[in-house]
Amino acid sequence: MSSQFLAIRDAVKAALLQTPALASGHVLAGREVPLPTEHTQGIRVSLMRSRGELVALYGAARQWQTPVIVHLLARAAAGVDAETAVDSLLASTYARLDAMAPPPGAVSVTLDPDIRWAVDEADQSVVTVTLALIVTHITTTSTLE
């Protein structure tokens, strides 16, 4: 039996893998690993800190705000800057997440309008773009389901 947190993270991963799968299906959850040299794009999905508060309306319940962090990674080809290399993946991912229905147990899903870019210059430029999906969900106070 999984917590709602893990179920929400897995629902985001599943949305990114729906046909057509983004980043050629190179979507990992719960792992912060570098982009393998044989891949030009990849996506990492992970949980961040969740903040909960008691909700008197529902009796013994807690409402959570859980950010699901989505890191987009792209390797630039020769003569292409890193931001251009990730741009189509960013547009596709943003549209996919924006259209995502709330997963079971979730009250709402909001795509945070804060997008961050980080470029790592090496033999080939690798860029990481970070998005956050804020999921509001409710659990009972005695469990995280």
C-alpha atoms as a PDB file:
ATOM      1  CA  MET A   1       0.000   0.000   0.000  1.00  0.00           C
ATOM      2  CA  SER A   2       1.480   3.343  -1.087  1.00  0.00           C
ATOM      3  CA  SER A   3       1.060   6.771   0.409  1.00  0.00           C
ATOM      4  CA  GLN A   4      -0.798   9.453  -1.560  1.00  0.00           C
ATOM      5  CA  PHE A   5       2.554  11.172  -2.047  1.00  0.00           C
ATOM      6  CA  LEU A   6       4.006   8.257  -4.000  1.00  0.00           C
ATOM      7  CA  ALA A   7       0.733   7.735  -5.906  1.00  0.00           C
ATOM      8  CA  ILE A   8       0.749  11.403  -6.974  1.00  0.00           C
ATOM      9  CA  ARG A   9       4.389  11.238  -8.110  1.00  0.00           C
ATOM     10  CA  ASP A  10       3.642   8.086 -10.098  1.00  0.00           C
ATOM     11  CA  ALA A  11       0.563   9.708 -11.698  1.00  0.00           C
ATOM     12  CA  VAL A  12       2.745  12.584 -12.935  1.00  0.00           C
ATOM     13  CA  LYS A  13       5.255  10.108 -14.374  1.00  0.00           C
ATOM     14  CA  ALA A  14       2.433   8.190 -16.075  1.00  0.00           C
ATOM     15  CA  ALA A  15       1.078  11.404 -17.611  1.00  0.00           C
ATOM     16  CA  LEU A  16       4.500  12.142 -19.103  1.00  0.00           C
ATOM     17  CA  LEU A  17       4.693   8.612 -20.515  1.00  0.00           C
ATOM     18  CA  GLN A  18       1.271   8.704 -22.206  1.00  0.00           C
ATOM     19  CA  THR A  19       1.464   8.244 -25.963  1.00  0.00           C
ATOM     20  CA  PRO A  20       3.405   9.933 -27.379  1.00  0.00           C
ATOM     21  CA  ALA A  21       5.844   9.533 -24.487  1.00  0.00           C
ATOM     22  CA  LEU A  22       7.899  12.645 -23.830  1.00  0.00           C
ATOM     23  CA  ALA A  23      11.719  12.536 -23.976  1.00  0.00           C
ATOM     24  CA  SER A  24      11.490   9.261 -25.945  1.00  0.00           C
ATOM     25  CA  GLY A  25      10.195   7.615 -22.770  1.00  0.00           C
ATOM     26  CA  HIS A  26      13.306   8.422 -20.735  1.00  0.00           C
ATOM     27  CA  VAL A  27      11.297   9.377 -17.635  1.00  0.00           C
ATOM     28  CA  LEU A  28      12.564   8.372 -14.197  1.00  0.00           C
ATOM     29  CA  ALA A  29      10.887   8.878 -10.827  1.00  0.00           C
ATOM     30  CA  GLY A  30      12.611   9.135  -7.469  1.00  0.00           C
ATOM     31  CA  ARG A  31      16.120   9.181  -8.963  1.00  0.00           C
ATOM     32  CA  GLU A  32      18.336  12.205  -9.488  1.00  0.00           C
ATOM     33  CA  VAL A  33      20.840  10.838 -11.972  1.00  0.00           C
ATOM     34  CA  PRO A  34      22.684  12.602 -14.786  1.00  0.00           C
ATOM     35  CA  LEU A  35      21.475  12.386 -18.361  1.00  0.00           C
ATOM     36  CA  PRO A  36      23.189   9.335 -19.897  1.00  0.00           C
ATOM     37  CA  THR A  37      25.507  10.267 -22.763  1.00  0.00           C
ATOM     38  CA  GLU A  38      23.473   8.153 -25.214  1.00  0.00           C
ATOM     39  CA  HIS A  39      20.295  10.187 -24.520  1.00  0.00           C
ATOM     40  CA  THR A  40      19.589  13.656 -25.868  1.00  0.00           C
ATOM     41  CA  GLN A  41      16.616  14.230 -23.539  1.00  0.00           C
ATOM     42  CA  GLY A  42      15.303  12.941 -20.229  1.00  0.00           C
ATOM     43  CA  ILE A  43      12.830  13.778 -17.486  1.00  0.00           C
ATOM     44  CA  ARG A  44      13.181  13.269 -13.727  1.00  0.00           C
ATOM     45  CA  VAL A  45      10.126  13.380 -11.442  1.00  0.00           C
ATOM     46  CA  SER A  46      10.553  13.754  -7.690  1.00  0.00           C
ATOM     47  CA  LEU A  47       8.771  14.866  -4.565  1.00  0.00           C
ATOM     48  CA  MET A  48       9.707  17.905  -2.568  1.00  0.00           C
ATOM     49  CA  ARG A  49       8.613  19.015   0.881  1.00  0.00           C
ATOM     50  CA  SER A  50       4.868  18.661   1.589  1.00  0.00           C
ATOM     51  CA  ARG A  51       3.062  21.040   3.918  1.00  0.00           C
ATOM     52  CA  GLY A  52      -0.073  19.836   5.686  1.00  0.00           C
ATOM     53  CA  GLU A  53      -2.697  21.476   7.850  1.00  0.00           C
ATOM     54  CA  LEU A  54      -5.671  20.136   9.789  1.00  0.00           C
ATOM     55  CA  VAL A  55      -9.027  20.585   8.087  1.00  0.00           C
ATOM     56  CA  ALA A  56     -11.885  20.840  10.587  1.00  0.00           C
ATOM     57  CA  LEU A  57     -14.480  20.544   7.840  1.00  0.00           C
ATOM     58  CA  TYR A  58     -13.598  16.919   7.213  1.00  0.00           C
ATOM     59  CA  GLY A  59     -13.133  15.871  10.832  1.00  0.00           C
ATOM     60  CA  ALA A  60      -9.849  14.071  11.317  1.00  0.00           C
ATOM     61  CA  ALA A  61      -8.276  15.060   8.025  1.00  0.00           C
ATOM     62  CA  ARG A  62      -5.177  16.864   6.833  1.00  0.00           C
ATOM     63  CA  GLN A  63      -4.938  18.867   3.625  1.00  0.00           C
ATOM     64  CA  TRP A  64      -1.562  18.783   1.893  1.00  0.00           C
ATOM     65  CA  GLN A  65       0.194  20.977  -0.652  1.00  0.00           C
ATOM     66  CA  THR A  66       2.653  18.658  -2.380  1.00  0.00           C
ATOM     67  CA  PRO A  67       5.004  20.030  -5.022  1.00  0.00           C
ATOM     68  CA  VAL A  68       6.019  17.439  -7.589  1.00  0.00           C
ATOM     69  CA  ILE A  69       9.259  18.584  -9.192  1.00  0.00           C
ATOM     70  CA  VAL A  70       9.809  17.844 -12.872  1.00  0.00           C
ATOM     71  CA  HIS A  71      13.352  18.272 -14.196  1.00  0.00           C
ATOM     72  CA  LEU A  72      13.731  18.343 -17.972  1.00  0.00           C
ATOM     73  CA  LEU A  73      17.205  17.539 -19.262  1.00  0.00           C
ATOM     74  CA  ALA A  74      18.524  18.046 -22.784  1.00  0.00           C
ATOM     75  CA  ARG A  75      21.914  17.703 -24.414  1.00  0.00           C
ATOM     76  CA  ALA A  76      22.683  20.244 -27.115  1.00  0.00           C
ATOM     77  CA  ALA A  77      24.077  19.091 -30.433  1.00  0.00           C
ATOM     78  CA  ALA A  78      27.101  20.851 -31.918  1.00  0.00           C
ATOM     79  CA  GLY A  79      26.195  24.382 -32.963  1.00  0.00           C
ATOM     80  CA  VAL A  80      22.956  24.445 -30.922  1.00  0.00           C
ATOM     81  CA  ASP A  81      22.650  26.314 -27.647  1.00  0.00           C
ATOM     82  CA  ALA A  82      21.314  24.429 -24.621  1.00  0.00           C
ATOM     83  CA  GLU A  83      18.133  26.482 -24.232  1.00  0.00           C
ATOM     84  CA  THR A  84      17.145  25.785 -27.835  1.00  0.00           C
ATOM     85  CA  ALA A  85      17.857  22.074 -27.270  1.00  0.00           C
ATOM     86  CA  VAL A  86      15.298  21.860 -24.443  1.00  0.00           C
ATOM     87  CA  ASP A  87      12.660  24.238 -25.790  1.00  0.00           C
ATOM     88  CA  SER A  88      10.388  21.728 -27.576  1.00  0.00           C
ATOM     89  CA  LEU A  89      10.532  19.352 -24.587  1.00  0.00           C
ATOM     90  CA  LEU A  90       9.616  22.252 -22.294  1.00  0.00           C
ATOM     91  CA  ALA A  91       6.622  23.218 -24.445  1.00  0.00           C
ATOM     92  CA  SER A  92       5.368  19.620 -24.685  1.00  0.00           C
ATOM     93  CA  THR A  93       5.844  18.934 -20.981  1.00  0.00           C
ATOM     94  CA  TYR A  94       4.166  22.164 -19.926  1.00  0.00           C
ATOM     95  CA  ALA A  95       1.138  21.405 -22.113  1.00  0.00           C
ATOM     96  CA  ARG A  96       0.928  17.807 -20.838  1.00  0.00           C
ATOM     97  CA  LEU A  97       1.109  18.850 -17.173  1.00  0.00           C
ATOM     98  CA  ASP A  98      -1.302  21.743 -17.648  1.00  0.00           C
ATOM     99  CA  ALA A  99      -3.902  19.346 -19.080  1.00  0.00           C
ATOM    100  CA  MET A 100      -3.378  16.704 -16.389  1.00  0.00           C
ATOM    101  CA  ALA A 101      -6.492  15.734 -14.423  1.00  0.00           C
ATOM    102  CA  PRO A 102      -6.081  15.521 -10.649  1.00  0.00           C
ATOM    103  CA  PRO A 103      -4.948  12.029  -9.656  1.00  0.00           C
ATOM    104  CA  PRO A 104      -7.143   9.959  -7.298  1.00  0.00           C
ATOM    105  CA  GLY A 105      -7.279  11.573  -3.855  1.00  0.00           C
ATOM    106  CA  ALA A 106      -6.250  14.986  -5.169  1.00  0.00           C
ATOM    107  CA  VAL A 107      -8.443  18.055  -4.896  1.00  0.00           C
ATOM    108  CA  SER A 108      -6.539  20.155  -7.419  1.00  0.00           C
ATOM    109  CA  VAL A 109      -3.435  20.290  -9.600  1.00  0.00           C
ATOM    110  CA  THR A 110      -1.799  23.640 -10.346  1.00  0.00           C
ATOM    111  CA  LEU A 111       1.201  24.159 -12.591  1.00  0.00           C
ATOM    112  CA  ASP A 112       3.491  26.602 -10.804  1.00  0.00           C
ATOM    113  CA  PRO A 113       4.313  29.464 -13.222  1.00  0.00           C
ATOM    114  CA  ASP A 114       7.954  29.477 -12.031  1.00  0.00           C
ATOM    115  CA  ILE A 115      10.304  27.874 -14.606  1.00  0.00           C
ATOM    116  CA  ARG A 116      14.071  27.695 -13.985  1.00  0.00           C
ATOM    117  CA  TRP A 117      16.895  26.999 -16.417  1.00  0.00           C
ATOM    118  CA  ALA A 118      20.428  25.847 -15.534  1.00  0.00           C
ATOM    119  CA  VAL A 119      23.074  25.215 -18.174  1.00  0.00           C
ATOM    120  CA  ASP A 120      26.128  23.021 -17.596  1.00  0.00           C
ATOM    121  CA  GLU A 121      28.831  23.662 -20.158  1.00  0.00           C
ATOM    122  CA  ALA A 122      31.009  20.637 -20.850  1.00  0.00           C
ATOM    123  CA  ASP A 123      31.987  18.818 -24.051  1.00  0.00           C
ATOM    124  CA  GLN A 124      28.325  19.255 -24.944  1.00  0.00           C
ATOM    125  CA  SER A 125      26.020  21.680 -23.207  1.00  0.00           C
ATOM    126  CA  VAL A 126      23.421  20.065 -20.942  1.00  0.00           C
ATOM    127  CA  VAL A 127      20.495  22.104 -19.697  1.00  0.00           C
ATOM    128  CA  THR A 128      18.106  21.352 -16.856  1.00  0.00           C
ATOM    129  CA  VAL A 129      14.725  23.074 -16.740  1.00  0.00           C
ATOM    130  CA  THR A 130      12.751  22.745 -13.527  1.00  0.00           C
ATOM    131  CA  LEU A 131       8.953  22.895 -13.255  1.00  0.00           C
ATOM    132  CA  ALA A 132       6.740  22.296 -10.237  1.00  0.00           C
ATOM    133  CA  LEU A 133       3.254  20.860 -10.175  1.00  0.00           C
ATOM    134  CA  ILE A 134       1.444  21.740  -6.930  1.00  0.00           C
ATOM    135  CA  VAL A 135      -1.019  19.019  -5.921  1.00  0.00           C
ATOM    136  CA  THR A 136      -3.550  19.633  -3.149  1.00  0.00           C
ATOM    137  CA  HIS A 137      -4.807  16.436  -1.536  1.00  0.00           C
ATOM    138  CA  ILE A 138      -6.454  15.248   1.670  1.00  0.00           C
ATOM    139  CA  THR A 139      -5.546  12.356   3.967  1.00  0.00           C
ATOM    140  CA  THR A 140      -6.880  11.223   7.304  1.00  0.00           C
ATOM    141  CA  THR A 141      -4.655  12.280  10.197  1.00  0.00           C
ATOM    142  CA  SER A 142      -3.876   8.680  11.127  1.00  0.00           C
ATOM    143  CA  THR A 143      -2.622   7.619   7.662  1.00  0.00           C
ATOM    144  CA  LEU A 144      -1.066   9.107   4.562  1.00  0.00           C
ATOM    145  CA  GLU A 145      -3.444   7.330   2.206  1.00  0.00           C
END
